[in-house]
N, C-alpha and C. Protein backbone atom coordinates (compact mmCIF):
# COMPACT_ATOMS: atom_id res chain seq x y z
N MET A 1 58.97 58.65 79.83
CA MET A 1 59.08 57.47 78.97
C MET A 1 57.88 56.60 79.19
N SER A 2 57.08 56.24 78.13
CA SER A 2 55.98 55.44 78.41
C SER A 2 56.27 54.08 78.56
N PRO A 3 55.47 53.39 79.44
CA PRO A 3 55.72 51.91 79.76
C PRO A 3 55.60 51.04 78.47
N ARG A 4 56.36 49.99 78.39
CA ARG A 4 56.44 49.12 77.25
C ARG A 4 55.28 48.21 77.40
N ARG A 5 54.58 47.99 76.25
CA ARG A 5 53.49 46.98 76.26
C ARG A 5 53.96 45.59 76.29
N ALA A 6 53.21 44.79 76.92
CA ALA A 6 53.60 43.35 76.86
C ALA A 6 53.28 42.80 75.60
N PRO A 7 54.10 41.96 75.08
CA PRO A 7 53.76 41.25 73.76
C PRO A 7 52.46 40.52 73.75
N ARG A 8 51.71 40.60 72.70
CA ARG A 8 50.41 39.99 72.62
C ARG A 8 50.66 38.51 72.30
N ARG A 9 49.80 37.68 73.06
CA ARG A 9 50.03 36.18 72.81
C ARG A 9 49.13 35.92 71.58
N ARG A 10 49.70 34.96 70.76
CA ARG A 10 48.95 34.51 69.70
C ARG A 10 48.05 33.35 70.11
N ARG A 11 46.77 33.58 69.69
CA ARG A 11 45.75 32.54 70.08
C ARG A 11 45.95 31.28 69.39
N SER A 12 45.80 30.15 70.10
CA SER A 12 45.96 28.89 69.45
C SER A 12 44.71 28.63 68.54
N THR A 13 44.98 28.14 67.31
CA THR A 13 43.79 27.82 66.48
C THR A 13 43.39 26.35 66.56
N GLY A 14 44.06 25.64 67.40
CA GLY A 14 43.76 24.27 67.66
C GLY A 14 42.37 24.01 68.04
N GLY A 15 42.00 24.82 69.24
CA GLY A 15 40.68 24.60 69.80
C GLY A 15 39.55 25.04 68.83
N ARG A 16 39.86 26.19 68.21
CA ARG A 16 38.82 26.73 67.28
C ARG A 16 38.60 25.73 66.05
N ALA A 17 39.66 25.20 65.64
CA ALA A 17 39.59 24.19 64.49
C ALA A 17 38.72 22.99 64.94
N THR A 18 39.02 22.55 66.21
CA THR A 18 38.20 21.39 66.64
C THR A 18 36.72 21.77 66.84
N LEU A 19 36.32 22.90 67.35
CA LEU A 19 35.04 23.36 67.48
C LEU A 19 34.38 23.41 66.20
N LEU A 20 35.08 23.99 65.19
CA LEU A 20 34.40 24.07 63.88
C LEU A 20 34.11 22.70 63.34
N THR A 21 35.09 21.86 63.53
CA THR A 21 34.84 20.42 63.01
C THR A 21 33.60 19.72 63.63
N VAL A 22 33.46 19.90 64.91
CA VAL A 22 32.32 19.33 65.72
C VAL A 22 31.05 19.91 65.14
N VAL A 23 31.08 21.19 65.02
CA VAL A 23 29.77 21.91 64.61
C VAL A 23 29.43 21.47 63.24
N THR A 24 30.50 21.38 62.23
CA THR A 24 30.24 20.90 60.90
C THR A 24 29.54 19.46 60.74
N LEU A 25 30.25 18.68 61.69
CA LEU A 25 29.73 17.22 61.69
C LEU A 25 28.26 17.16 62.32
N ALA A 26 28.02 17.95 63.37
CA ALA A 26 26.60 17.98 63.84
C ALA A 26 25.64 18.46 62.89
N GLY A 27 26.00 19.53 62.12
CA GLY A 27 25.09 20.09 61.08
C GLY A 27 24.88 19.07 60.03
N ALA A 28 25.84 18.29 59.58
CA ALA A 28 25.81 17.39 58.63
C ALA A 28 24.75 16.23 58.95
N LEU A 29 24.93 15.78 60.26
CA LEU A 29 23.99 14.66 60.71
C LEU A 29 22.65 15.24 60.75
N THR A 30 22.33 16.44 61.20
CA THR A 30 20.99 16.96 61.30
C THR A 30 20.38 17.07 59.97
N LEU A 31 21.20 17.51 58.87
CA LEU A 31 20.59 17.60 57.49
C LEU A 31 20.33 16.19 57.05
N SER A 32 21.13 15.16 57.26
CA SER A 32 20.99 13.92 56.78
C SER A 32 19.65 13.31 57.36
N ALA A 33 19.27 13.71 58.58
CA ALA A 33 18.08 13.14 59.15
C ALA A 33 16.83 13.78 58.71
N CYS A 34 16.92 15.03 58.32
CA CYS A 34 15.60 15.84 58.10
C CYS A 34 15.40 16.23 56.60
N SER A 35 16.40 16.07 55.77
CA SER A 35 16.23 16.67 54.44
C SER A 35 15.94 15.48 53.41
N GLY A 36 15.24 15.74 52.43
CA GLY A 36 14.93 14.77 51.28
C GLY A 36 15.73 14.98 50.09
N SER A 37 15.55 14.22 49.07
CA SER A 37 16.30 14.38 47.90
C SER A 37 15.51 15.37 47.07
N ASP A 38 16.29 16.17 46.23
CA ASP A 38 15.62 17.19 45.33
C ASP A 38 15.22 16.57 43.96
N GLY A 39 15.75 15.38 43.77
CA GLY A 39 15.35 14.79 42.47
C GLY A 39 15.62 13.29 42.47
N GLY A 40 15.16 12.63 41.40
CA GLY A 40 15.38 11.22 41.48
C GLY A 40 16.87 10.67 41.26
N THR A 41 17.31 9.77 42.11
CA THR A 41 18.64 9.24 41.89
C THR A 41 18.56 7.80 42.01
N ALA A 42 19.52 7.22 41.50
CA ALA A 42 19.68 5.70 41.47
C ALA A 42 20.99 5.39 42.10
N ALA A 43 20.97 4.39 42.84
CA ALA A 43 22.22 3.86 43.55
C ALA A 43 22.17 2.30 43.61
N THR A 44 23.37 1.74 43.75
CA THR A 44 23.53 0.33 43.92
C THR A 44 23.77 0.05 45.38
N GLY A 45 22.92 -0.87 45.98
CA GLY A 45 23.14 -1.28 47.29
C GLY A 45 23.55 -2.72 47.25
N SER A 46 23.71 -3.27 48.57
CA SER A 46 24.06 -4.61 48.77
C SER A 46 22.88 -5.51 48.37
N GLY A 47 22.99 -6.22 47.34
CA GLY A 47 21.92 -7.18 46.82
C GLY A 47 20.93 -6.57 45.97
N GLY A 48 21.13 -5.35 45.49
CA GLY A 48 20.21 -4.80 44.51
C GLY A 48 20.29 -3.28 44.31
N ASN A 49 19.41 -2.83 43.32
CA ASN A 49 19.45 -1.38 43.12
C ASN A 49 18.29 -0.76 43.69
N TYR A 50 18.35 0.57 44.04
CA TYR A 50 17.26 1.32 44.62
C TYR A 50 17.19 2.65 43.90
N VAL A 51 16.04 3.32 43.84
CA VAL A 51 15.78 4.58 43.27
C VAL A 51 15.26 5.49 44.24
N THR A 52 15.82 6.69 44.51
CA THR A 52 15.23 7.72 45.46
C THR A 52 14.61 8.75 44.58
N GLY A 53 13.28 8.88 44.84
CA GLY A 53 12.39 9.83 44.09
C GLY A 53 12.59 11.21 44.74
N ALA A 54 11.80 12.19 44.07
CA ALA A 54 11.84 13.55 44.56
C ALA A 54 11.28 13.72 45.85
N SER A 55 10.44 12.73 46.32
CA SER A 55 9.82 12.89 47.69
C SER A 55 10.91 12.41 48.76
N GLY A 56 12.01 11.95 48.40
CA GLY A 56 12.90 11.50 49.34
C GLY A 56 12.78 10.03 49.82
N ILE A 57 11.75 9.36 49.12
CA ILE A 57 11.53 7.91 49.38
C ILE A 57 12.24 6.94 48.34
N ALA A 58 13.12 6.15 48.82
CA ALA A 58 13.78 5.23 48.06
C ALA A 58 12.99 3.85 47.88
N THR A 59 12.96 3.41 46.66
CA THR A 59 12.18 2.12 46.37
C THR A 59 13.06 1.15 45.73
N VAL A 60 12.76 -0.16 45.89
CA VAL A 60 13.48 -1.20 45.27
C VAL A 60 12.45 -2.09 44.44
N SER A 61 12.81 -2.38 43.30
CA SER A 61 11.95 -3.34 42.40
C SER A 61 11.93 -4.64 43.10
N LYS A 62 10.82 -5.35 42.83
CA LYS A 62 10.54 -6.64 43.59
C LYS A 62 11.55 -7.64 43.46
N GLY A 63 12.21 -7.72 42.29
CA GLY A 63 13.23 -8.76 42.14
C GLY A 63 14.61 -8.42 42.53
N GLU A 64 14.84 -7.18 43.17
CA GLU A 64 16.09 -6.64 43.50
C GLU A 64 16.35 -6.45 44.96
N ARG A 65 15.37 -6.90 45.81
CA ARG A 65 15.46 -6.43 47.23
C ARG A 65 16.23 -7.37 48.09
N THR A 66 16.73 -6.75 49.17
CA THR A 66 17.53 -7.47 50.07
C THR A 66 16.82 -7.77 51.33
N GLU A 67 16.93 -8.96 51.91
CA GLU A 67 16.13 -9.32 53.00
C GLU A 67 16.57 -8.61 54.24
N ALA A 68 15.61 -8.14 55.07
CA ALA A 68 15.86 -7.39 56.31
C ALA A 68 16.47 -8.32 57.35
N PRO A 69 17.26 -7.80 58.21
CA PRO A 69 17.84 -8.71 59.23
C PRO A 69 16.85 -8.94 60.31
N LYS A 70 17.05 -9.96 61.15
CA LYS A 70 16.21 -10.42 62.30
C LYS A 70 16.28 -9.17 63.35
N LEU A 71 15.22 -8.75 63.65
CA LEU A 71 15.03 -7.64 64.69
C LEU A 71 14.27 -8.15 65.83
N ASP A 72 14.88 -8.52 66.88
CA ASP A 72 14.12 -9.05 68.09
C ASP A 72 14.68 -8.52 69.35
N GLY A 73 13.91 -8.73 70.37
CA GLY A 73 14.17 -8.23 71.68
C GLY A 73 12.95 -7.75 72.45
N GLU A 74 13.31 -7.01 73.54
CA GLU A 74 12.11 -6.57 74.40
C GLU A 74 11.53 -5.24 73.91
N THR A 75 10.16 -5.20 74.06
CA THR A 75 9.53 -4.05 73.56
C THR A 75 9.47 -2.95 74.71
N VAL A 76 9.12 -1.84 74.42
CA VAL A 76 8.96 -0.70 75.32
C VAL A 76 7.99 -1.15 76.50
N ASP A 77 6.93 -1.90 76.16
CA ASP A 77 6.04 -2.29 77.28
C ASP A 77 6.30 -3.73 77.90
N GLY A 78 7.66 -4.22 77.74
CA GLY A 78 8.05 -5.38 78.32
C GLY A 78 7.78 -6.67 77.66
N GLN A 79 7.25 -6.76 76.52
CA GLN A 79 6.94 -7.96 75.77
C GLN A 79 8.00 -8.30 74.86
N ASN A 80 8.08 -9.60 74.29
CA ASN A 80 9.16 -10.05 73.39
C ASN A 80 8.57 -9.86 71.97
N LEU A 81 9.43 -9.50 71.03
CA LEU A 81 9.01 -9.37 69.67
C LEU A 81 10.14 -9.84 68.73
N ASP A 82 9.81 -10.54 67.68
CA ASP A 82 10.77 -10.98 66.65
C ASP A 82 10.11 -10.71 65.33
N THR A 83 10.70 -9.75 64.52
CA THR A 83 10.06 -9.44 63.27
C THR A 83 10.05 -10.51 62.17
N THR A 84 10.91 -11.53 62.42
CA THR A 84 10.93 -12.59 61.40
C THR A 84 9.62 -13.45 61.38
N THR A 85 8.88 -13.40 62.54
CA THR A 85 7.68 -14.11 62.66
C THR A 85 6.51 -13.31 61.93
N LEU A 86 6.85 -12.20 61.42
CA LEU A 86 5.72 -11.38 60.73
C LEU A 86 5.67 -11.55 59.23
N LYS A 87 6.46 -12.51 58.81
CA LYS A 87 6.39 -12.73 57.23
C LYS A 87 5.12 -13.15 56.90
N GLY A 88 4.70 -12.66 55.73
CA GLY A 88 3.28 -12.96 55.24
C GLY A 88 2.54 -11.72 55.34
N LYS A 89 2.97 -10.68 56.08
CA LYS A 89 2.42 -9.36 56.11
C LYS A 89 3.44 -8.26 55.74
N VAL A 90 2.88 -7.10 55.21
CA VAL A 90 3.72 -5.94 55.09
C VAL A 90 4.08 -5.43 56.37
N VAL A 91 5.36 -5.06 56.59
CA VAL A 91 5.82 -4.58 57.87
C VAL A 91 6.28 -3.13 57.68
N VAL A 92 5.83 -2.23 58.42
CA VAL A 92 6.28 -0.80 58.50
C VAL A 92 7.18 -0.61 59.72
N LEU A 93 8.41 -0.35 59.49
CA LEU A 93 9.37 -0.13 60.64
C LEU A 93 9.71 1.32 60.77
N ASN A 94 9.45 1.87 61.97
CA ASN A 94 9.75 3.30 62.13
C ASN A 94 10.61 3.41 63.28
N VAL A 95 11.89 4.06 63.05
CA VAL A 95 12.86 4.24 64.08
C VAL A 95 12.65 5.73 64.69
N TRP A 96 12.54 5.75 65.97
CA TRP A 96 12.17 7.04 66.58
C TRP A 96 12.68 7.12 68.02
N GLY A 97 12.72 8.40 68.49
CA GLY A 97 13.18 8.61 69.90
C GLY A 97 12.30 9.74 70.48
N SER A 98 12.04 9.64 71.72
CA SER A 98 11.03 10.58 72.40
C SER A 98 11.75 11.96 72.41
N TRP A 99 12.95 12.03 72.35
CA TRP A 99 13.85 13.27 72.41
C TRP A 99 13.78 13.96 71.00
N CYS A 100 13.32 13.34 69.97
CA CYS A 100 13.47 13.77 68.62
C CYS A 100 12.33 14.61 68.07
N PRO A 101 12.52 15.95 67.87
CA PRO A 101 11.37 16.75 67.33
C PRO A 101 10.67 16.26 66.08
N PRO A 102 11.43 15.86 65.01
CA PRO A 102 10.78 15.28 63.86
C PRO A 102 9.95 14.05 64.13
N CYS A 103 10.34 13.26 65.09
CA CYS A 103 9.68 11.99 65.52
C CYS A 103 8.25 12.44 66.07
N ARG A 104 8.23 13.45 67.00
CA ARG A 104 7.03 13.97 67.45
C ARG A 104 6.07 14.50 66.30
N ALA A 105 6.72 15.15 65.41
CA ALA A 105 5.94 15.72 64.45
C ALA A 105 5.19 14.63 63.51
N GLU A 106 5.88 13.58 63.31
CA GLU A 106 5.27 12.55 62.44
C GLU A 106 4.42 11.49 63.09
N ALA A 107 4.52 11.49 64.50
CA ALA A 107 3.91 10.52 65.29
C ALA A 107 2.33 10.45 65.05
N PRO A 108 1.62 11.62 65.06
CA PRO A 108 0.16 11.51 64.82
C PRO A 108 -0.23 10.82 63.51
N ALA A 109 0.57 10.99 62.42
CA ALA A 109 0.25 10.37 61.11
C ALA A 109 0.42 8.85 61.28
N PHE A 110 1.59 8.34 61.97
CA PHE A 110 1.72 6.92 62.22
C PHE A 110 0.62 6.34 63.06
N ALA A 111 0.12 7.05 64.16
CA ALA A 111 -0.88 6.62 64.99
C ALA A 111 -2.20 6.38 64.16
N LYS A 112 -2.48 7.46 63.38
CA LYS A 112 -3.79 7.35 62.50
C LYS A 112 -3.71 6.30 61.42
N VAL A 113 -2.76 6.25 60.61
CA VAL A 113 -2.61 5.30 59.52
C VAL A 113 -2.58 3.83 60.02
N SER A 114 -1.78 3.66 61.07
CA SER A 114 -1.77 2.28 61.65
C SER A 114 -3.08 1.74 62.16
N LYS A 115 -3.84 2.67 62.82
CA LYS A 115 -5.27 2.32 63.23
C LYS A 115 -6.16 2.00 62.16
N GLU A 116 -6.06 2.97 61.08
CA GLU A 116 -6.98 2.82 59.92
C GLU A 116 -6.75 1.53 59.15
N LEU A 117 -5.49 1.23 59.01
CA LEU A 117 -5.22 -0.05 58.20
C LEU A 117 -5.57 -1.24 58.97
N ALA A 118 -5.45 -1.23 60.25
CA ALA A 118 -5.77 -2.36 61.13
C ALA A 118 -7.28 -2.57 61.04
N GLU A 119 -7.99 -1.48 61.19
CA GLU A 119 -9.55 -1.59 61.27
C GLU A 119 -10.07 -2.01 59.87
N ALA A 120 -9.30 -1.71 58.72
CA ALA A 120 -9.65 -2.10 57.44
C ALA A 120 -9.18 -3.54 57.17
N GLY A 121 -8.61 -4.25 58.11
CA GLY A 121 -8.22 -5.53 57.92
C GLY A 121 -7.09 -5.86 56.90
N LYS A 122 -6.31 -4.84 56.75
CA LYS A 122 -5.22 -4.93 55.77
C LYS A 122 -4.03 -5.75 56.25
N ASP A 123 -3.30 -6.43 55.34
CA ASP A 123 -2.23 -7.27 55.79
C ASP A 123 -0.93 -6.51 56.06
N VAL A 124 -0.98 -5.58 56.96
CA VAL A 124 0.13 -4.73 57.34
C VAL A 124 0.25 -4.58 58.85
N VAL A 125 1.48 -4.60 59.42
CA VAL A 125 1.70 -4.32 60.80
C VAL A 125 2.70 -3.26 60.99
N PHE A 126 2.61 -2.53 61.94
CA PHE A 126 3.63 -1.44 62.31
C PHE A 126 4.48 -1.91 63.44
N VAL A 127 5.72 -1.72 63.40
CA VAL A 127 6.68 -1.90 64.53
C VAL A 127 7.65 -0.69 64.59
N GLY A 128 7.69 -0.22 65.82
CA GLY A 128 8.66 0.80 66.09
C GLY A 128 9.98 0.32 66.62
N ILE A 129 10.98 1.11 66.40
CA ILE A 129 12.38 0.89 67.00
C ILE A 129 12.70 2.08 67.85
N ASN A 130 12.50 2.03 69.15
CA ASN A 130 12.80 3.22 70.03
C ASN A 130 14.31 3.26 70.36
N THR A 131 14.97 4.28 69.96
CA THR A 131 16.38 4.29 70.17
C THR A 131 16.90 5.62 70.79
N ARG A 132 17.94 5.44 71.59
CA ARG A 132 18.72 6.45 72.34
C ARG A 132 17.80 7.11 73.42
N ASP A 133 16.81 6.42 73.83
CA ASP A 133 16.08 6.75 75.12
C ASP A 133 16.68 5.84 76.16
N ASN A 134 17.21 6.49 77.24
CA ASN A 134 17.82 5.68 78.22
C ASN A 134 16.92 5.12 79.25
N GLU A 135 15.67 5.52 79.18
CA GLU A 135 14.70 5.11 80.13
C GLU A 135 13.42 4.66 79.38
N LYS A 136 12.89 3.54 79.66
CA LYS A 136 11.59 3.05 78.98
C LYS A 136 10.53 4.03 79.15
N GLN A 137 10.43 4.58 80.41
CA GLN A 137 9.34 5.46 80.74
C GLN A 137 9.17 6.60 79.78
N LYS A 138 10.28 7.11 79.29
CA LYS A 138 10.16 8.27 78.33
C LYS A 138 9.44 7.78 77.05
N ALA A 139 9.82 6.58 76.62
CA ALA A 139 9.24 6.07 75.38
C ALA A 139 7.73 5.70 75.62
N VAL A 140 7.43 5.17 76.82
CA VAL A 140 6.05 4.87 77.22
C VAL A 140 5.14 6.22 77.12
N ALA A 141 5.84 7.23 77.75
CA ALA A 141 5.03 8.48 77.77
C ALA A 141 4.85 9.13 76.38
N PHE A 142 5.71 8.84 75.51
CA PHE A 142 5.64 9.37 74.10
C PHE A 142 4.51 8.63 73.37
N GLU A 143 4.46 7.32 73.56
CA GLU A 143 3.37 6.48 72.86
C GLU A 143 2.07 6.79 73.45
N GLU A 144 1.88 7.05 74.83
CA GLU A 144 0.72 7.46 75.28
C GLU A 144 0.19 8.90 74.79
N ALA A 145 1.15 9.74 74.72
CA ALA A 145 0.83 11.11 74.30
C ALA A 145 0.31 11.18 72.89
N PHE A 146 0.87 10.24 71.97
CA PHE A 146 0.44 10.32 70.70
C PHE A 146 -0.51 9.19 70.19
N GLY A 147 -0.86 8.41 71.19
CA GLY A 147 -1.81 7.31 70.79
C GLY A 147 -1.28 6.24 69.96
N ILE A 148 0.08 5.92 70.12
CA ILE A 148 0.67 4.80 69.45
C ILE A 148 0.29 3.54 70.03
N THR A 149 -0.36 2.60 69.32
CA THR A 149 -0.80 1.42 69.78
C THR A 149 0.02 0.15 69.42
N TYR A 150 0.89 0.35 68.44
CA TYR A 150 1.62 -0.77 68.00
C TYR A 150 2.87 -0.97 68.87
N PRO A 151 3.61 -2.13 68.86
CA PRO A 151 4.73 -2.26 69.69
C PRO A 151 6.00 -1.65 69.13
N SER A 152 6.87 -1.31 70.04
CA SER A 152 8.18 -0.74 69.61
C SER A 152 9.32 -1.60 70.46
N LEU A 153 10.24 -1.93 69.68
CA LEU A 153 11.44 -2.60 70.24
C LEU A 153 12.27 -1.53 70.98
N PHE A 154 12.74 -1.84 72.17
CA PHE A 154 13.54 -0.91 72.96
C PHE A 154 14.96 -1.12 72.56
N ASP A 155 15.60 -0.07 72.00
CA ASP A 155 16.95 -0.23 71.52
C ASP A 155 17.89 1.04 71.88
N PRO A 156 18.07 1.19 73.22
CA PRO A 156 18.71 2.48 73.57
C PRO A 156 20.09 2.71 72.93
N ASP A 157 20.83 1.64 72.59
CA ASP A 157 22.15 1.86 72.07
C ASP A 157 22.26 1.84 70.58
N GLY A 158 21.13 1.64 69.90
CA GLY A 158 21.08 1.63 68.47
C GLY A 158 21.65 0.37 67.82
N LYS A 159 21.73 -0.61 68.60
CA LYS A 159 22.39 -1.94 68.09
C LYS A 159 21.53 -2.53 66.99
N LEU A 160 20.22 -2.44 67.11
CA LEU A 160 19.35 -3.13 66.02
C LEU A 160 19.54 -2.46 64.71
N MET A 161 19.80 -1.18 64.67
CA MET A 161 20.07 -0.51 63.35
C MET A 161 21.31 -0.97 62.76
N LEU A 162 22.24 -1.44 63.59
CA LEU A 162 23.53 -1.87 63.01
C LEU A 162 23.44 -3.19 62.29
N ARG A 163 22.37 -3.98 62.55
CA ARG A 163 22.21 -5.27 62.00
C ARG A 163 21.94 -5.16 60.46
N PHE A 164 21.47 -4.05 59.94
CA PHE A 164 21.30 -3.89 58.52
C PHE A 164 22.58 -3.85 57.80
N PRO A 165 22.68 -4.62 56.67
CA PRO A 165 24.01 -4.58 55.91
C PRO A 165 24.29 -3.31 55.34
N LYS A 166 25.60 -2.99 55.34
CA LYS A 166 26.02 -1.77 54.64
C LYS A 166 25.73 -1.69 53.17
N GLY A 167 25.37 -0.61 52.79
CA GLY A 167 25.03 -0.48 51.33
C GLY A 167 23.57 -0.71 50.90
N SER A 168 22.91 -1.34 51.93
CA SER A 168 21.45 -1.62 51.76
C SER A 168 20.62 -0.41 52.21
N LEU A 169 19.39 -0.45 52.03
CA LEU A 169 18.49 0.59 52.52
C LEU A 169 18.37 0.48 54.06
N ASN A 170 19.35 0.89 54.65
CA ASN A 170 19.30 0.79 56.09
C ASN A 170 18.87 2.06 56.82
N PRO A 171 18.29 1.90 58.03
CA PRO A 171 17.83 3.18 58.81
C PRO A 171 18.95 3.95 59.44
N ASN A 172 19.71 4.77 58.69
CA ASN A 172 20.79 5.38 59.25
C ASN A 172 20.60 6.89 59.65
N ALA A 173 19.28 7.15 60.01
CA ALA A 173 18.96 8.40 60.57
C ALA A 173 17.68 8.30 61.43
N ILE A 174 17.53 9.33 62.27
CA ILE A 174 16.39 9.30 63.18
C ILE A 174 15.59 10.59 62.93
N PRO A 175 14.35 10.44 62.45
CA PRO A 175 13.57 9.24 62.18
C PRO A 175 13.95 8.63 60.98
N SER A 176 13.72 7.32 60.77
CA SER A 176 13.76 6.51 59.49
C SER A 176 12.54 5.71 59.41
N THR A 177 12.04 5.40 58.25
CA THR A 177 10.94 4.49 57.96
C THR A 177 11.19 3.54 56.89
N LEU A 178 11.07 2.24 57.18
CA LEU A 178 11.21 1.16 56.08
C LEU A 178 9.98 0.46 55.99
N VAL A 179 9.67 0.03 54.64
CA VAL A 179 8.53 -0.94 54.48
C VAL A 179 9.13 -2.27 53.93
N LEU A 180 8.77 -3.28 54.66
CA LEU A 180 9.21 -4.65 54.25
C LEU A 180 8.02 -5.38 53.59
N ASP A 181 8.38 -6.05 52.35
CA ASP A 181 7.31 -6.75 51.69
C ASP A 181 6.89 -8.04 52.48
N LYS A 182 5.98 -8.80 51.97
CA LYS A 182 5.49 -9.94 52.66
C LYS A 182 6.51 -11.15 52.82
N GLU A 183 7.52 -10.98 52.08
CA GLU A 183 8.64 -11.98 52.18
C GLU A 183 9.75 -11.46 53.05
N GLY A 184 9.57 -10.42 53.76
CA GLY A 184 10.49 -9.83 54.69
C GLY A 184 11.73 -9.13 54.07
N ARG A 185 11.57 -8.58 52.82
CA ARG A 185 12.54 -7.93 52.15
C ARG A 185 12.29 -6.32 52.19
N ILE A 186 13.31 -5.53 52.09
CA ILE A 186 13.25 -4.12 52.18
C ILE A 186 12.77 -3.51 50.72
N ALA A 187 11.59 -3.00 50.92
CA ALA A 187 10.92 -2.51 49.60
C ALA A 187 11.08 -0.97 49.45
N ALA A 188 11.07 -0.26 50.57
CA ALA A 188 11.10 1.19 50.53
C ALA A 188 11.71 1.70 51.79
N ARG A 189 12.27 2.95 51.70
CA ARG A 189 12.82 3.65 52.77
C ARG A 189 12.92 5.09 52.72
N THR A 190 12.61 5.81 53.85
CA THR A 190 12.84 7.24 53.81
C THR A 190 13.58 7.67 55.06
N LEU A 191 14.43 8.66 55.00
CA LEU A 191 15.19 9.09 56.15
C LEU A 191 14.70 10.50 56.64
N ALA A 192 13.43 10.77 56.28
CA ALA A 192 12.82 12.10 56.58
C ALA A 192 11.46 11.88 57.39
N PRO A 193 10.98 12.75 58.21
CA PRO A 193 9.75 12.51 58.80
C PRO A 193 8.60 12.49 57.84
N LEU A 194 7.50 11.75 57.97
CA LEU A 194 6.40 11.53 57.11
C LEU A 194 5.23 12.05 57.56
N GLY A 195 4.39 12.61 56.61
CA GLY A 195 3.00 12.90 56.95
C GLY A 195 2.16 11.76 56.54
N GLU A 196 0.90 11.79 56.70
CA GLU A 196 -0.07 10.72 56.36
C GLU A 196 0.01 10.34 54.87
N ASP A 197 0.00 11.19 53.92
CA ASP A 197 -0.10 10.96 52.55
C ASP A 197 1.27 10.25 52.09
N LYS A 198 2.40 10.80 52.51
CA LYS A 198 3.68 10.11 52.16
C LYS A 198 3.80 8.70 52.71
N LEU A 199 3.41 8.56 53.93
CA LEU A 199 3.38 7.30 54.66
C LEU A 199 2.55 6.24 53.75
N ARG A 200 1.31 6.75 53.45
CA ARG A 200 0.48 5.80 52.65
C ARG A 200 1.13 5.50 51.24
N SER A 201 1.77 6.44 50.64
CA SER A 201 2.37 6.29 49.39
C SER A 201 3.60 5.16 49.46
N MET A 202 4.11 5.00 50.65
CA MET A 202 5.12 4.02 50.80
C MET A 202 4.52 2.61 50.97
N ILE A 203 3.46 2.52 51.65
CA ILE A 203 2.77 1.31 51.95
C ILE A 203 1.89 0.71 50.86
N ASP A 204 1.12 1.56 50.31
CA ASP A 204 0.08 1.04 49.38
C ASP A 204 0.63 0.19 48.20
N PRO A 205 1.72 0.67 47.47
CA PRO A 205 2.29 -0.10 46.45
C PRO A 205 2.70 -1.50 46.84
N VAL A 206 3.28 -1.57 47.98
CA VAL A 206 3.80 -2.86 48.48
C VAL A 206 2.65 -3.77 48.97
N LEU A 207 1.54 -3.17 49.49
CA LEU A 207 0.38 -3.95 49.77
C LEU A 207 -0.34 -4.56 48.60
N ALA A 208 -0.16 -3.78 47.52
CA ALA A 208 -0.86 -4.11 46.25
C ALA A 208 -0.15 -5.27 45.44
N GLU A 209 1.11 -5.58 45.91
CA GLU A 209 1.92 -6.58 45.15
C GLU A 209 1.32 -7.97 45.36
N GLN A 210 1.35 -8.73 44.22
CA GLN A 210 0.88 -10.03 44.21
C GLN A 210 2.05 -11.12 44.39
């Protein structure tokens, strides 16, 4: 008489379902940070309308813009910075982390364009927001490696990003880049890494405004 087989235990699907949920959410966050729009779309934000073009760059007409929040604190190199003191100039805000591959990919373009515009005497300043780096030294090493000469606010917990009003063109991905007009209002945003040409295409129209 052959021995009886022990009954097979049914696997719990709870752990598998949880794992799938985590993987799905992680994938969605990765796509939101790295992909651009396939076509032009319009949306209504807090305080105005914005249009996202095929390049993935969203722009707001001059009369529809929302004022950017005050962004202040200590920079990566230990200085104090308050972006509200920069009104009168176009401000390019770039959210980055030393751990972020797309940030490393776009860093040479930001280093080059920021230096060339400064040398040309243009009314534009660059400000970084370094986020989710738990040590300043990692951010300092990143800036030295890529020749970044403009200041970056140190924001390890991402609190500065939360100051932007919901529904506005807020920097809700890493990397993100915003361009503020000379009145401190949000004129353009992208949630994708930028090369030199796309970066200039965000800045030049705002610089040309009267």
